[in-house]
Amino acid sequence: MSRKASRPAGLSLMRRLLIMAMSAFATLSLALVVVAVWAVWSYRGPGPATTDGQPAVVMLRKGAGLNEIAASLERAKVVRSSAIFIAAAQVTGSARGLKAGEYEFPSKAPMSRVLGDIRAGRIVRHQVTIPEGITVEMAIDILNKEDALTGVAPTPPEGSILPETYDYQRGEDRAAVLQRMMDARDKLLATLWAKRKAGLPISTPEEAVILASIVEKETGVASERPQVASVFVNRLMKGMRLESDPTIIYGITKGRPLGRRIFLSELKAPTPYNTYAIEGLPPTPIANPGRASLAAVLDPPATDYIFFVADGSGGHAFAATYEEHQRNVEKWRAWRARTGK
């Protein structure tokens, strides 16, 4: 009688244990699902909003490990959870491919984008522009004003850099950026020199830079550079003096704006840069010529021009004879008298 009564009690206990186990499993499964959904949402959903709605800038140092990177991102409020970021980097195989540098993330950027940008090395690219026709001292002044750069750049020889816009990273050394400018000029000059027009009155690449710097300073109209180059090439071929005003100014101010007209005494002064007084080229470039000016002096058009003068429009009037040049000069003087310029 007692054995018959014990079976239902035993079955009831087993049933309760099974129900409890299933309930616990269901609870655990639900918890895991919730955690998984939260992790996926944290990875693919909108990230945290920045305080002011502006992009967040994060600097990841070279050599930083995954934990340090994740902590930096969480501290900058770029990601909500450094732990989820670490897990995502490991699961996606990105952990060993994260790149150092300066990053900018918009407010609410998904963690997936943050991780993707760091893995791809989409760092912030700063830019510095060196205008055509400035001197190396002016170029160094521009580099020194770039707060994102570090170090001190030496002043290189005149005409040794290529005026262009250059990318750089925050913390990069100014000397390294300057070296890229010099390397770019050397590479371009070597290419143009190898394809130069035959019979030019210049015998070295450095002489080409000197002449190109004069062309650069003589006109601000890009389309005129070939014609201006042809004038100076023709003058050199004929043994005529270049008679270029910018060379005189460079001898006085080292390329800084003169702020006035050239005095007659300065036109006659026998300085190394006074091409009204010296034969041939001055001893160094007077600026950093751009691509167009370098190309113009190494492949100038065939013209008979040996004179040019401003025409009042920002450009110049070119002439093959002195008589024609004088007529152009009279027009220029009349324009100045009429406009008061």
C-alpha atoms as a PDB file:
ATOM      1  CA  MET A   1       0.000   0.000   0.000  1.00  0.00           C
ATOM      2  CA  SER A   2       2.830   2.445   0.920  1.00  0.00           C
ATOM      3  CA  ARG A   3       4.808   1.614  -2.247  1.00  0.00           C
ATOM      4  CA  LYS A   4       1.824   2.425  -4.478  1.00  0.00           C
ATOM      5  CA  ALA A   5       1.492   5.847  -2.835  1.00  0.00           C
ATOM      6  CA  SER A   6       5.191   6.752  -3.353  1.00  0.00           C
ATOM      7  CA  ARG A   7       5.094   6.595  -7.176  1.00  0.00           C
ATOM      8  CA  PRO A   8       2.834   9.610  -7.780  1.00  0.00           C
ATOM      9  CA  ALA A   9       4.877  11.621  -5.274  1.00  0.00           C
ATOM     10  CA  GLY A  10       8.113  10.694  -7.091  1.00  0.00           C
ATOM     11  CA  LEU A  11       6.632  11.553 -10.472  1.00  0.00           C
ATOM     12  CA  SER A  12       5.362  14.861  -9.129  1.00  0.00           C
ATOM     13  CA  LEU A  13       8.852  15.782  -7.876  1.00  0.00           C
ATOM     14  CA  MET A  14      10.455  14.897 -11.203  1.00  0.00           C
ATOM     15  CA  ARG A  15       7.835  16.917 -13.021  1.00  0.00           C
ATOM     16  CA  ARG A  16       8.493  19.942 -10.832  1.00  0.00           C
ATOM     17  CA  LEU A  17      12.239  19.627 -11.347  1.00  0.00           C
ATOM     18  CA  LEU A  18      11.750  19.343 -15.099  1.00  0.00           C
ATOM     19  CA  ILE A  19       9.473  22.361 -15.160  1.00  0.00           C
ATOM     20  CA  MET A  20      11.973  24.339 -13.107  1.00  0.00           C
ATOM     21  CA  ALA A  21      14.786  23.281 -15.415  1.00  0.00           C
ATOM     22  CA  MET A  22      12.801  24.245 -18.491  1.00  0.00           C
ATOM     23  CA  SER A  23      11.826  27.518 -16.935  1.00  0.00           C
ATOM     24  CA  ALA A  24      15.426  28.273 -16.056  1.00  0.00           C
ATOM     25  CA  PHE A  25      16.522  27.319 -19.577  1.00  0.00           C
ATOM     26  CA  ALA A  26      13.838  29.509 -21.087  1.00  0.00           C
ATOM     27  CA  THR A  27      14.863  32.397 -18.849  1.00  0.00           C
ATOM     28  CA  LEU A  28      18.507  31.906 -19.736  1.00  0.00           C
ATOM     29  CA  SER A  29      17.674  31.646 -23.425  1.00  0.00           C
ATOM     30  CA  LEU A  30      15.610  34.808 -23.255  1.00  0.00           C
ATOM     31  CA  ALA A  31      18.431  36.559 -21.445  1.00  0.00           C
ATOM     32  CA  LEU A  32      20.899  35.418 -24.088  1.00  0.00           C
ATOM     33  CA  VAL A  33      18.571  36.613 -26.828  1.00  0.00           C
ATOM     34  CA  VAL A  34      18.195  39.968 -25.109  1.00  0.00           C
ATOM     35  CA  VAL A  35      21.975  40.263 -24.723  1.00  0.00           C
ATOM     36  CA  ALA A  36      22.491  39.258 -28.358  1.00  0.00           C
ATOM     37  CA  VAL A  37      19.898  41.761 -29.576  1.00  0.00           C
ATOM     38  CA  TRP A  38      21.461  44.471 -27.413  1.00  0.00           C
ATOM     39  CA  ALA A  39      24.940  43.622 -28.732  1.00  0.00           C
ATOM     40  CA  VAL A  40      23.768  43.702 -32.366  1.00  0.00           C
ATOM     41  CA  TRP A  41      21.886  46.951 -31.754  1.00  0.00           C
ATOM     42  CA  SER A  42      24.962  48.438 -30.068  1.00  0.00           C
ATOM     43  CA  TYR A  43      27.059  47.421 -33.083  1.00  0.00           C
ATOM     44  CA  ARG A  44      24.744  48.384 -35.920  1.00  0.00           C
ATOM     45  CA  GLY A  45      22.384  50.883 -34.336  1.00  0.00           C
ATOM     46  CA  PRO A  46      22.983  54.603 -33.725  1.00  0.00           C
ATOM     47  CA  GLY A  47      25.891  55.374 -31.427  1.00  0.00           C
ATOM     48  CA  PRO A  48      25.834  57.856 -28.558  1.00  0.00           C
ATOM     49  CA  ALA A  49      25.159  61.487 -29.335  1.00  0.00           C
ATOM     50  CA  THR A  50      28.003  63.941 -28.749  1.00  0.00           C
ATOM     51  CA  THR A  51      27.447  66.699 -26.214  1.00  0.00           C
ATOM     52  CA  ASP A  52      27.126  69.515 -28.760  1.00  0.00           C
ATOM     53  CA  GLY A  53      26.112  67.477 -31.777  1.00  0.00           C
ATOM     54  CA  GLN A  54      29.461  68.148 -33.432  1.00  0.00           C
ATOM     55  CA  PRO A  55      31.749  65.349 -34.665  1.00  0.00           C
ATOM     56  CA  ALA A  56      33.933  63.714 -32.020  1.00  0.00           C
ATOM     57  CA  VAL A  57      37.674  63.780 -32.656  1.00  0.00           C
ATOM     58  CA  VAL A  58      39.740  60.931 -31.237  1.00  0.00           C
ATOM     59  CA  MET A  59      43.507  60.532 -31.426  1.00  0.00           C
ATOM     60  CA  LEU A  60      44.632  56.895 -31.341  1.00  0.00           C
ATOM     61  CA  ARG A  61      48.331  56.735 -30.630  1.00  0.00           C
ATOM     62  CA  LYS A  62      50.710  54.543 -32.546  1.00  0.00           C
ATOM     63  CA  GLY A  63      51.210  51.235 -30.744  1.00  0.00           C
ATOM     64  CA  ALA A  64      47.929  51.393 -28.817  1.00  0.00           C
ATOM     65  CA  GLY A  65      46.348  47.989 -28.153  1.00  0.00           C
ATOM     66  CA  LEU A  66      42.716  46.998 -28.578  1.00  0.00           C
ATOM     67  CA  ASN A  67      41.836  47.668 -24.914  1.00  0.00           C
ATOM     68  CA  GLU A  68      43.350  51.163 -25.033  1.00  0.00           C
ATOM     69  CA  ILE A  69      41.603  51.967 -28.301  1.00  0.00           C
ATOM     70  CA  ALA A  70      38.245  50.773 -26.962  1.00  0.00           C
ATOM     71  CA  ALA A  71      38.699  52.772 -23.748  1.00  0.00           C
ATOM     72  CA  SER A  72      39.590  55.913 -25.722  1.00  0.00           C
ATOM     73  CA  LEU A  73      36.462  55.553 -27.853  1.00  0.00           C
ATOM     74  CA  GLU A  74      34.207  55.029 -24.857  1.00  0.00           C
ATOM     75  CA  ARG A  75      35.803  57.955 -23.010  1.00  0.00           C
ATOM     76  CA  ALA A  76      35.163  60.190 -26.032  1.00  0.00           C
ATOM     77  CA  LYS A  77      31.536  58.933 -26.129  1.00  0.00           C
ATOM     78  CA  VAL A  78      32.042  57.516 -29.602  1.00  0.00           C
ATOM     79  CA  VAL A  79      30.895  54.035 -28.480  1.00  0.00           C
ATOM     80  CA  ARG A  80      28.645  53.086 -25.562  1.00  0.00           C
ATOM     81  CA  SER A  81      30.564  50.028 -24.456  1.00  0.00           C
ATOM     82  CA  SER A  82      34.269  49.329 -24.753  1.00  0.00           C
ATOM     83  CA  ALA A  83      33.505  45.657 -24.027  1.00  0.00           C
ATOM     84  CA  ILE A  84      31.140  45.388 -26.998  1.00  0.00           C
ATOM     85  CA  PHE A  85      33.698  47.169 -29.189  1.00  0.00           C
ATOM     86  CA  ILE A  86      36.407  44.704 -28.133  1.00  0.00           C
ATOM     87  CA  ALA A  87      34.089  41.745 -28.795  1.00  0.00           C
ATOM     88  CA  ALA A  88      33.069  43.150 -32.192  1.00  0.00           C
ATOM     89  CA  ALA A  89      36.719  43.721 -33.176  1.00  0.00           C
ATOM     90  CA  GLN A  90      37.564  40.158 -32.242  1.00  0.00           C
ATOM     91  CA  VAL A  91      34.515  38.559 -33.895  1.00  0.00           C
ATOM     92  CA  THR A  92      35.000  40.500 -37.161  1.00  0.00           C
ATOM     93  CA  GLY A  93      38.745  39.825 -37.262  1.00  0.00           C
ATOM     94  CA  SER A  94      39.545  43.534 -37.039  1.00  0.00           C
ATOM     95  CA  ALA A  95      41.392  43.415 -33.718  1.00  0.00           C
ATOM     96  CA  ARG A  96      44.872  43.122 -35.250  1.00  0.00           C
ATOM     97  CA  GLY A  97      44.243  45.560 -38.093  1.00  0.00           C
ATOM     98  CA  LEU A  98      43.274  48.740 -36.247  1.00  0.00           C
ATOM     99  CA  LYS A  99      45.308  51.751 -37.349  1.00  0.00           C
ATOM    100  CA  ALA A 100      46.595  54.692 -35.340  1.00  0.00           C
ATOM    101  CA  GLY A 101      45.874  58.293 -36.197  1.00  0.00           C
ATOM    102  CA  GLU A 102      43.367  61.100 -35.787  1.00  0.00           C
ATOM    103  CA  TYR A 103      39.742  60.144 -36.421  1.00  0.00           C
ATOM    104  CA  GLU A 104      36.569  62.178 -36.662  1.00  0.00           C
ATOM    105  CA  PHE A 105      33.203  60.512 -36.058  1.00  0.00           C
ATOM    106  CA  PRO A 106      29.812  62.195 -36.492  1.00  0.00           C
ATOM    107  CA  SER A 107      27.359  62.246 -33.616  1.00  0.00           C
ATOM    108  CA  LYS A 108      25.481  58.938 -33.297  1.00  0.00           C
ATOM    109  CA  ALA A 109      27.870  57.083 -35.616  1.00  0.00           C
ATOM    110  CA  PRO A 110      27.180  53.322 -35.467  1.00  0.00           C
ATOM    111  CA  MET A 111      29.900  51.205 -33.882  1.00  0.00           C
ATOM    112  CA  SER A 112      30.111  49.281 -37.156  1.00  0.00           C
ATOM    113  CA  ARG A 113      31.185  52.474 -38.914  1.00  0.00           C
ATOM    114  CA  VAL A 114      33.624  53.402 -36.151  1.00  0.00           C
ATOM    115  CA  LEU A 115      35.273  49.999 -36.313  1.00  0.00           C
ATOM    116  CA  GLY A 116      35.284  50.042 -40.108  1.00  0.00           C
ATOM    117  CA  ASP A 117      36.900  53.484 -40.263  1.00  0.00           C
ATOM    118  CA  ILE A 118      39.655  52.541 -37.819  1.00  0.00           C
ATOM    119  CA  ARG A 119      40.305  49.253 -39.582  1.00  0.00           C
ATOM    120  CA  ALA A 120      40.523  51.036 -42.967  1.00  0.00           C
ATOM    121  CA  GLY A 121      42.654  53.851 -41.537  1.00  0.00           C
ATOM    122  CA  ARG A 122      40.265  56.630 -42.605  1.00  0.00           C
ATOM    123  CA  ILE A 123      42.140  59.223 -40.602  1.00  0.00           C
ATOM    124  CA  VAL A 124      41.582  62.966 -40.690  1.00  0.00           C
ATOM    125  CA  ARG A 125      43.600  64.490 -43.523  1.00  0.00           C
ATOM    126  CA  HIS A 126      44.828  68.010 -42.923  1.00  0.00           C
ATOM    127  CA  GLN A 127      45.932  70.099 -45.878  1.00  0.00           C
ATOM    128  CA  VAL A 128      48.415  72.883 -46.414  1.00  0.00           C
ATOM    129  CA  THR A 129      48.527  74.911 -49.626  1.00  0.00           C
ATOM    130  CA  ILE A 130      51.686  76.512 -50.973  1.00  0.00           C
ATOM    131  CA  PRO A 131      50.685  79.120 -53.594  1.00  0.00           C
ATOM    132  CA  GLU A 132      52.638  79.408 -56.816  1.00  0.00           C
ATOM    133  CA  GLY A 133      55.249  82.121 -56.887  1.00  0.00           C
ATOM    134  CA  ILE A 134      55.972  82.480 -53.173  1.00  0.00           C
ATOM    135  CA  THR A 135      59.467  82.246 -51.752  1.00  0.00           C
ATOM    136  CA  VAL A 136      60.757  79.458 -49.533  1.00  0.00           C
ATOM    137  CA  GLU A 137      60.687  81.794 -46.531  1.00  0.00           C
ATOM    138  CA  MET A 138      57.003  82.445 -47.142  1.00  0.00           C
ATOM    139  CA  ALA A 139      56.401  78.711 -47.509  1.00  0.00           C
ATOM    140  CA  ILE A 140      58.080  78.071 -44.142  1.00  0.00           C
ATOM    141  CA  ASP A 141      55.862  80.762 -42.610  1.00  0.00           C
ATOM    142  CA  ILE A 142      52.810  78.858 -43.881  1.00  0.00           C
ATOM    143  CA  LEU A 143      54.087  75.578 -42.438  1.00  0.00           C
ATOM    144  CA  ASN A 144      54.787  77.229 -39.090  1.00  0.00           C
ATOM    145  CA  LYS A 145      51.172  78.413 -38.878  1.00  0.00           C
ATOM    146  CA  GLU A 146      49.838  74.857 -39.190  1.00  0.00           C
ATOM    147  CA  ASP A 147      49.118  74.023 -35.543  1.00  0.00           C
ATOM    148  CA  ALA A 148      48.590  70.326 -36.286  1.00  0.00           C
ATOM    149  CA  LEU A 149      52.231  69.985 -37.363  1.00  0.00           C
ATOM    150  CA  THR A 150      55.199  69.584 -35.033  1.00  0.00           C
ATOM    151  CA  GLY A 151      58.921  70.234 -35.168  1.00  0.00           C
ATOM    152  CA  VAL A 152      60.934  72.819 -37.045  1.00  0.00           C
ATOM    153  CA  ALA A 153      61.449  72.898 -40.818  1.00  0.00           C
ATOM    154  CA  PRO A 154      64.741  74.251 -42.145  1.00  0.00           C
ATOM    155  CA  THR A 155      64.685  76.886 -44.870  1.00  0.00           C
ATOM    156  CA  PRO A 156      65.650  75.114 -48.111  1.00  0.00           C
ATOM    157  CA  PRO A 157      67.223  76.694 -51.204  1.00  0.00           C
ATOM    158  CA  GLU A 158      65.016  79.071 -53.159  1.00  0.00           C
ATOM    159  CA  GLY A 159      62.878  77.380 -55.795  1.00  0.00           C
ATOM    160  CA  SER A 160      63.314  73.893 -54.339  1.00  0.00           C
ATOM    161  CA  ILE A 161      59.662  73.132 -53.515  1.00  0.00           C
ATOM    162  CA  LEU A 162      56.643  72.511 -55.709  1.00  0.00           C
ATOM    163  CA  PRO A 163      53.696  74.800 -54.955  1.00  0.00           C
ATOM    164  CA  GLU A 164      50.638  72.596 -54.454  1.00  0.00           C
ATOM    165  CA  THR A 165      48.201  71.396 -51.794  1.00  0.00           C
ATOM    166  CA  TYR A 166      49.636  68.673 -49.576  1.00  0.00           C
ATOM    167  CA  ASP A 167      47.931  66.281 -47.162  1.00  0.00           C
ATOM    168  CA  TYR A 168      49.408  65.612 -43.755  1.00  0.00           C
ATOM    169  CA  GLN A 169      48.481  63.957 -40.477  1.00  0.00           C
ATOM    170  CA  ARG A 170      48.197  65.615 -37.090  1.00  0.00           C
ATOM    171  CA  GLY A 171      51.492  65.386 -35.260  1.00  0.00           C
ATOM    172  CA  GLU A 172      53.552  64.994 -38.435  1.00  0.00           C
ATOM    173  CA  ASP A 173      56.901  66.777 -38.492  1.00  0.00           C
ATOM    174  CA  ARG A 174      57.123  69.976 -40.545  1.00  0.00           C
ATOM    175  CA  ALA A 175      60.458  68.861 -41.940  1.00  0.00           C
ATOM    176  CA  ALA A 176      58.815  65.697 -43.306  1.00  0.00           C
ATOM    177  CA  VAL A 177      56.073  67.690 -45.049  1.00  0.00           C
ATOM    178  CA  LEU A 178      58.684  70.056 -46.468  1.00  0.00           C
ATOM    179  CA  GLN A 179      60.676  67.100 -47.768  1.00  0.00           C
ATOM    180  CA  ARG A 180      57.604  65.845 -49.643  1.00  0.00           C
ATOM    181  CA  MET A 181      57.315  69.263 -51.299  1.00  0.00           C
ATOM    182  CA  MET A 182      60.952  69.132 -52.346  1.00  0.00           C
ATOM    183  CA  ASP A 183      60.669  65.549 -53.577  1.00  0.00           C
ATOM    184  CA  ALA A 184      57.597  66.487 -55.634  1.00  0.00           C
ATOM    185  CA  ARG A 185      59.511  69.291 -57.330  1.00  0.00           C
ATOM    186  CA  ASP A 186      62.506  67.052 -58.062  1.00  0.00           C
ATOM    187  CA  LYS A 187      60.280  64.374 -59.558  1.00  0.00           C
ATOM    188  CA  LEU A 188      58.374  66.817 -61.766  1.00  0.00           C
ATOM    189  CA  LEU A 189      61.528  68.631 -62.855  1.00  0.00           C
ATOM    190  CA  ALA A 190      63.243  65.363 -63.816  1.00  0.00           C
ATOM    191  CA  THR A 191      60.238  64.385 -65.944  1.00  0.00           C
ATOM    192  CA  LEU A 192      59.987  67.756 -67.701  1.00  0.00           C
ATOM    193  CA  TRP A 193      63.746  68.037 -68.187  1.00  0.00           C
ATOM    194  CA  ALA A 194      63.874  64.638 -69.900  1.00  0.00           C
ATOM    195  CA  LYS A 195      61.234  65.823 -72.403  1.00  0.00           C
ATOM    196  CA  ARG A 196      62.573  69.365 -72.856  1.00  0.00           C
ATOM    197  CA  LYS A 197      62.563  71.089 -76.215  1.00  0.00           C
ATOM    198  CA  ALA A 198      65.819  70.880 -78.122  1.00  0.00           C
ATOM    199  CA  GLY A 199      68.029  73.940 -78.484  1.00  0.00           C
ATOM    200  CA  LEU A 200      66.966  75.799 -75.346  1.00  0.00           C
ATOM    201  CA  PRO A 201      69.410  78.424 -73.973  1.00  0.00           C
ATOM    202  CA  ILE A 202      69.484  76.718 -70.572  1.00  0.00           C
ATOM    203  CA  SER A 203      71.934  73.949 -69.791  1.00  0.00           C
ATOM    204  CA  THR A 204      70.834  72.580 -66.395  1.00  0.00           C
ATOM    205  CA  PRO A 205      67.587  71.795 -64.567  1.00  0.00           C
ATOM    206  CA  GLU A 206      68.482  74.475 -62.010  1.00  0.00           C
ATOM    207  CA  GLU A 207      68.647  77.094 -64.760  1.00  0.00           C
ATOM    208  CA  ALA A 208      65.202  75.945 -65.871  1.00  0.00           C
ATOM    209  CA  VAL A 209      63.891  76.594 -62.347  1.00  0.00           C
ATOM    210  CA  ILE A 210      65.486  80.051 -62.304  1.00  0.00           C
ATOM    211  CA  LEU A 211      63.850  80.994 -65.588  1.00  0.00           C
ATOM    212  CA  ALA A 212      60.525  79.450 -64.569  1.00  0.00           C
ATOM    213  CA  SER A 213      60.536  81.468 -61.345  1.00  0.00           C
ATOM    214  CA  ILE A 214      60.847  84.660 -63.377  1.00  0.00           C
ATOM    215  CA  VAL A 215      57.994  83.596 -65.651  1.00  0.00           C
ATOM    216  CA  GLU A 216      55.912  82.787 -62.554  1.00  0.00           C
ATOM    217  CA  LYS A 217      56.407  86.264 -61.102  1.00  0.00           C
ATOM    218  CA  GLU A 218      55.881  88.118 -64.367  1.00  0.00           C
ATOM    219  CA  THR A 219      52.278  87.069 -64.928  1.00  0.00           C
ATOM    220  CA  GLY A 220      49.341  85.905 -62.880  1.00  0.00           C
ATOM    221  CA  VAL A 221      47.475  84.814 -66.008  1.00  0.00           C
ATOM    222  CA  ALA A 222      47.985  81.103 -66.479  1.00  0.00           C
ATOM    223  CA  SER A 223      47.324  81.196 -70.225  1.00  0.00           C
ATOM    224  CA  GLU A 224      50.135  83.727 -70.722  1.00  0.00           C
ATOM    225  CA  ARG A 225      52.937  81.685 -69.211  1.00  0.00           C
ATOM    226  CA  PRO A 226      53.974  80.018 -72.474  1.00  0.00           C
ATOM    227  CA  GLN A 227      54.158  83.407 -74.255  1.00  0.00           C
ATOM    228  CA  VAL A 228      56.119  84.995 -71.407  1.00  0.00           C
ATOM    229  CA  ALA A 229      58.471  82.005 -71.421  1.00  0.00           C
ATOM    230  CA  SER A 230      58.977  82.410 -75.162  1.00  0.00           C
ATOM    231  CA  VAL A 231      59.929  86.076 -74.674  1.00  0.00           C
ATOM    232  CA  PHE A 232      62.672  85.241 -72.184  1.00  0.00           C
ATOM    233  CA  VAL A 233      63.914  82.257 -74.192  1.00  0.00           C
ATOM    234  CA  ASN A 234      64.121  84.463 -77.310  1.00  0.00           C
ATOM    235  CA  ARG A 235      65.980  87.145 -75.361  1.00  0.00           C
ATOM    236  CA  LEU A 236      68.513  84.645 -74.055  1.00  0.00           C
ATOM    237  CA  MET A 237      68.967  83.237 -77.557  1.00  0.00           C
ATOM    238  CA  LYS A 238      69.664  86.723 -78.904  1.00  0.00           C
ATOM    239  CA  GLY A 239      72.020  87.647 -76.056  1.00  0.00           C
ATOM    240  CA  MET A 240      69.609  90.294 -74.761  1.00  0.00           C
ATOM    241  CA  ARG A 241      69.178  91.086 -71.078  1.00  0.00           C
ATOM    242  CA  LEU A 242      66.016  89.757 -69.479  1.00  0.00           C
ATOM    243  CA  GLU A 243      65.026  93.119 -67.934  1.00  0.00           C
ATOM    244  CA  SER A 244      62.552  91.606 -65.480  1.00  0.00           C
ATOM    245  CA  ASP A 245      61.198  93.797 -62.681  1.00  0.00           C
ATOM    246  CA  PRO A 246      60.521  90.887 -60.280  1.00  0.00           C
ATOM    247  CA  THR A 247      64.246  90.052 -60.248  1.00  0.00           C
ATOM    248  CA  ILE A 248      65.033  93.554 -59.000  1.00  0.00           C
ATOM    249  CA  ILE A 249      62.381  93.262 -56.283  1.00  0.00           C
ATOM    250  CA  TYR A 250      63.816  89.927 -55.144  1.00  0.00           C
ATOM    251  CA  GLY A 251      67.252  91.527 -54.819  1.00  0.00           C
ATOM    252  CA  ILE A 252      65.723  94.191 -52.558  1.00  0.00           C
ATOM    253  CA  THR A 253      63.182  92.283 -50.445  1.00  0.00           C
ATOM    254  CA  LYS A 254      63.981  88.583 -51.048  1.00  0.00           C
ATOM    255  CA  GLY A 255      60.589  88.236 -52.700  1.00  0.00           C
ATOM    256  CA  ARG A 256      58.418  90.065 -50.176  1.00  0.00           C
ATOM    257  CA  PRO A 257      56.068  92.693 -51.689  1.00  0.00           C
ATOM    258  CA  LEU A 258      57.916  95.916 -52.389  1.00  0.00           C
ATOM    259  CA  GLY A 259      54.864  98.071 -51.685  1.00  0.00           C
ATOM    260  CA  ARG A 260      55.917 100.765 -54.140  1.00  0.00           C
ATOM    261  CA  ARG A 261      57.248 101.273 -57.632  1.00  0.00           C
ATOM    262  CA  ILE A 262      60.867 100.495 -58.435  1.00  0.00           C
ATOM    263  CA  PHE A 263      63.148 103.526 -58.248  1.00  0.00           C
ATOM    264  CA  LEU A 264      65.278 104.496 -61.232  1.00  0.00           C
ATOM    265  CA  SER A 265      68.362 104.068 -59.067  1.00  0.00           C
ATOM    266  CA  GLU A 266      67.325 100.473 -58.385  1.00  0.00           C
ATOM    267  CA  LEU A 267      66.949  99.814 -62.101  1.00  0.00           C
ATOM    268  CA  LYS A 268      70.586 100.865 -62.538  1.00  0.00           C
ATOM    269  CA  ALA A 269      72.021  99.237 -59.411  1.00  0.00           C
ATOM    270  CA  PRO A 270      74.536  96.488 -60.359  1.00  0.00           C
ATOM    271  CA  THR A 271      73.184  93.769 -58.053  1.00  0.00           C
ATOM    272  CA  PRO A 272      73.317  90.029 -58.905  1.00  0.00           C
ATOM    273  CA  TYR A 273      69.527  90.004 -59.319  1.00  0.00           C
ATOM    274  CA  ASN A 274      69.172  93.118 -61.475  1.00  0.00           C
ATOM    275  CA  THR A 275      68.504  91.635 -64.901  1.00  0.00           C
ATOM    276  CA  TYR A 276      68.499  95.149 -66.341  1.00  0.00           C
ATOM    277  CA  ALA A 277      72.203  95.285 -65.486  1.00  0.00           C
ATOM    278  CA  ILE A 278      73.439  91.666 -65.670  1.00  0.00           C
ATOM    279  CA  GLU A 279      73.715  89.311 -68.607  1.00  0.00           C
ATOM    280  CA  GLY A 280      71.749  86.072 -68.549  1.00  0.00           C
ATOM    281  CA  LEU A 281      70.056  84.587 -65.519  1.00  0.00           C
ATOM    282  CA  PRO A 282      70.281  85.711 -61.891  1.00  0.00           C
ATOM    283  CA  PRO A 283      72.243  83.396 -59.545  1.00  0.00           C
ATOM    284  CA  THR A 284      69.183  81.670 -57.996  1.00  0.00           C
ATOM    285  CA  PRO A 285      65.450  81.346 -58.525  1.00  0.00           C
ATOM    286  CA  ILE A 286      63.405  84.272 -57.239  1.00  0.00           C
ATOM    287  CA  ALA A 287      60.407  82.164 -56.174  1.00  0.00           C
ATOM    288  CA  ASN A 288      58.983  78.661 -56.319  1.00  0.00           C
ATOM    289  CA  PRO A 289      57.500  78.175 -59.789  1.00  0.00           C
ATOM    290  CA  GLY A 290      54.472  75.967 -60.327  1.00  0.00           C
ATOM    291  CA  ARG A 291      53.937  73.159 -62.797  1.00  0.00           C
ATOM    292  CA  ALA A 292      52.739  75.414 -65.611  1.00  0.00           C
ATOM    293  CA  SER A 293      55.725  77.748 -65.470  1.00  0.00           C
ATOM    294  CA  LEU A 294      58.219  74.884 -65.361  1.00  0.00           C
ATOM    295  CA  ALA A 295      56.511  73.254 -68.329  1.00  0.00           C
ATOM    296  CA  ALA A 296      56.418  76.566 -70.229  1.00  0.00           C
ATOM    297  CA  VAL A 297      60.163  77.232 -70.062  1.00  0.00           C
ATOM    298  CA  LEU A 298      61.068  73.655 -71.001  1.00  0.00           C
ATOM    299  CA  ASP A 299      58.669  73.531 -73.936  1.00  0.00           C
ATOM    300  CA  PRO A 300      57.986  77.131 -74.976  1.00  0.00           C
ATOM    301  CA  PRO A 301      55.989  77.934 -78.106  1.00  0.00           C
ATOM    302  CA  ALA A 302      57.839  79.232 -81.156  1.00  0.00           C
ATOM    303  CA  THR A 303      57.215  82.985 -81.288  1.00  0.00           C
ATOM    304  CA  ASP A 304      59.048  86.127 -82.401  1.00  0.00           C
ATOM    305  CA  TYR A 305      58.156  87.973 -79.187  1.00  0.00           C
ATOM    306  CA  ILE A 306      60.960  89.752 -77.366  1.00  0.00           C
ATOM    307  CA  PHE A 307      58.896  92.396 -75.534  1.00  0.00           C
ATOM    308  CA  PHE A 308      55.786  92.507 -73.396  1.00  0.00           C
ATOM    309  CA  VAL A 309      54.058  95.116 -71.261  1.00  0.00           C
ATOM    310  CA  ALA A 310      50.920  95.198 -69.108  1.00  0.00           C
ATOM    311  CA  ASP A 311      47.740  95.953 -71.051  1.00  0.00           C
ATOM    312  CA  GLY A 312      45.491  97.072 -68.178  1.00  0.00           C
ATOM    313  CA  SER A 313      43.344  93.943 -68.207  1.00  0.00           C
ATOM    314  CA  GLY A 314      45.570  91.933 -65.903  1.00  0.00           C
ATOM    315  CA  GLY A 315      47.406  90.479 -68.872  1.00  0.00           C
ATOM    316  CA  HIS A 316      50.100  91.667 -71.249  1.00  0.00           C
ATOM    317  CA  ALA A 317      50.576  92.876 -74.814  1.00  0.00           C
ATOM    318  CA  PHE A 318      53.381  91.062 -76.643  1.00  0.00           C
ATOM    319  CA  ALA A 319      55.536  92.435 -79.429  1.00  0.00           C
ATOM    320  CA  ALA A 320      58.249  91.224 -81.791  1.00  0.00           C
ATOM    321  CA  THR A 321      59.696  94.671 -82.572  1.00  0.00           C
ATOM    322  CA  TYR A 322      60.691  97.644 -80.479  1.00  0.00           C
ATOM    323  CA  GLU A 323      58.370  99.937 -82.453  1.00  0.00           C
ATOM    324  CA  GLU A 324      55.368  97.700 -81.753  1.00  0.00           C
ATOM    325  CA  HIS A 325      56.414  97.481 -78.129  1.00  0.00           C
ATOM    326  CA  GLN A 326      56.557 101.257 -77.836  1.00  0.00           C
ATOM    327  CA  ARG A 327      52.998 101.526 -79.135  1.00  0.00           C
ATOM    328  CA  ASN A 328      51.916  99.005 -76.496  1.00  0.00           C
ATOM    329  CA  VAL A 329      53.760 100.996 -73.830  1.00  0.00           C
ATOM    330  CA  GLU A 330      51.949 104.175 -74.877  1.00  0.00           C
ATOM    331  CA  LYS A 331      48.621 102.371 -74.579  1.00  0.00           C
ATOM    332  CA  TRP A 332      49.619 101.198 -71.103  1.00  0.00           C
ATOM    333  CA  ARG A 333      50.602 104.728 -70.041  1.00  0.00           C
ATOM    334  CA  ALA A 334      47.344 106.116 -71.387  1.00  0.00           C
ATOM    335  CA  TRP A 335      45.383 103.489 -69.466  1.00  0.00           C
ATOM    336  CA  ARG A 336      47.208 104.394 -66.244  1.00  0.00           C
ATOM    337  CA  ALA A 337      46.588 108.092 -66.800  1.00  0.00           C
ATOM    338  CA  ARG A 338      42.920 107.415 -67.470  1.00  0.00           C
ATOM    339  CA  THR A 339      42.383 105.117 -64.480  1.00  0.00           C
ATOM    340  CA  GLY A 340      44.854 106.669 -62.042  1.00  0.00           C
ATOM    341  CA  LYS A 341      46.516 103.321 -61.438  1.00  0.00           C
END
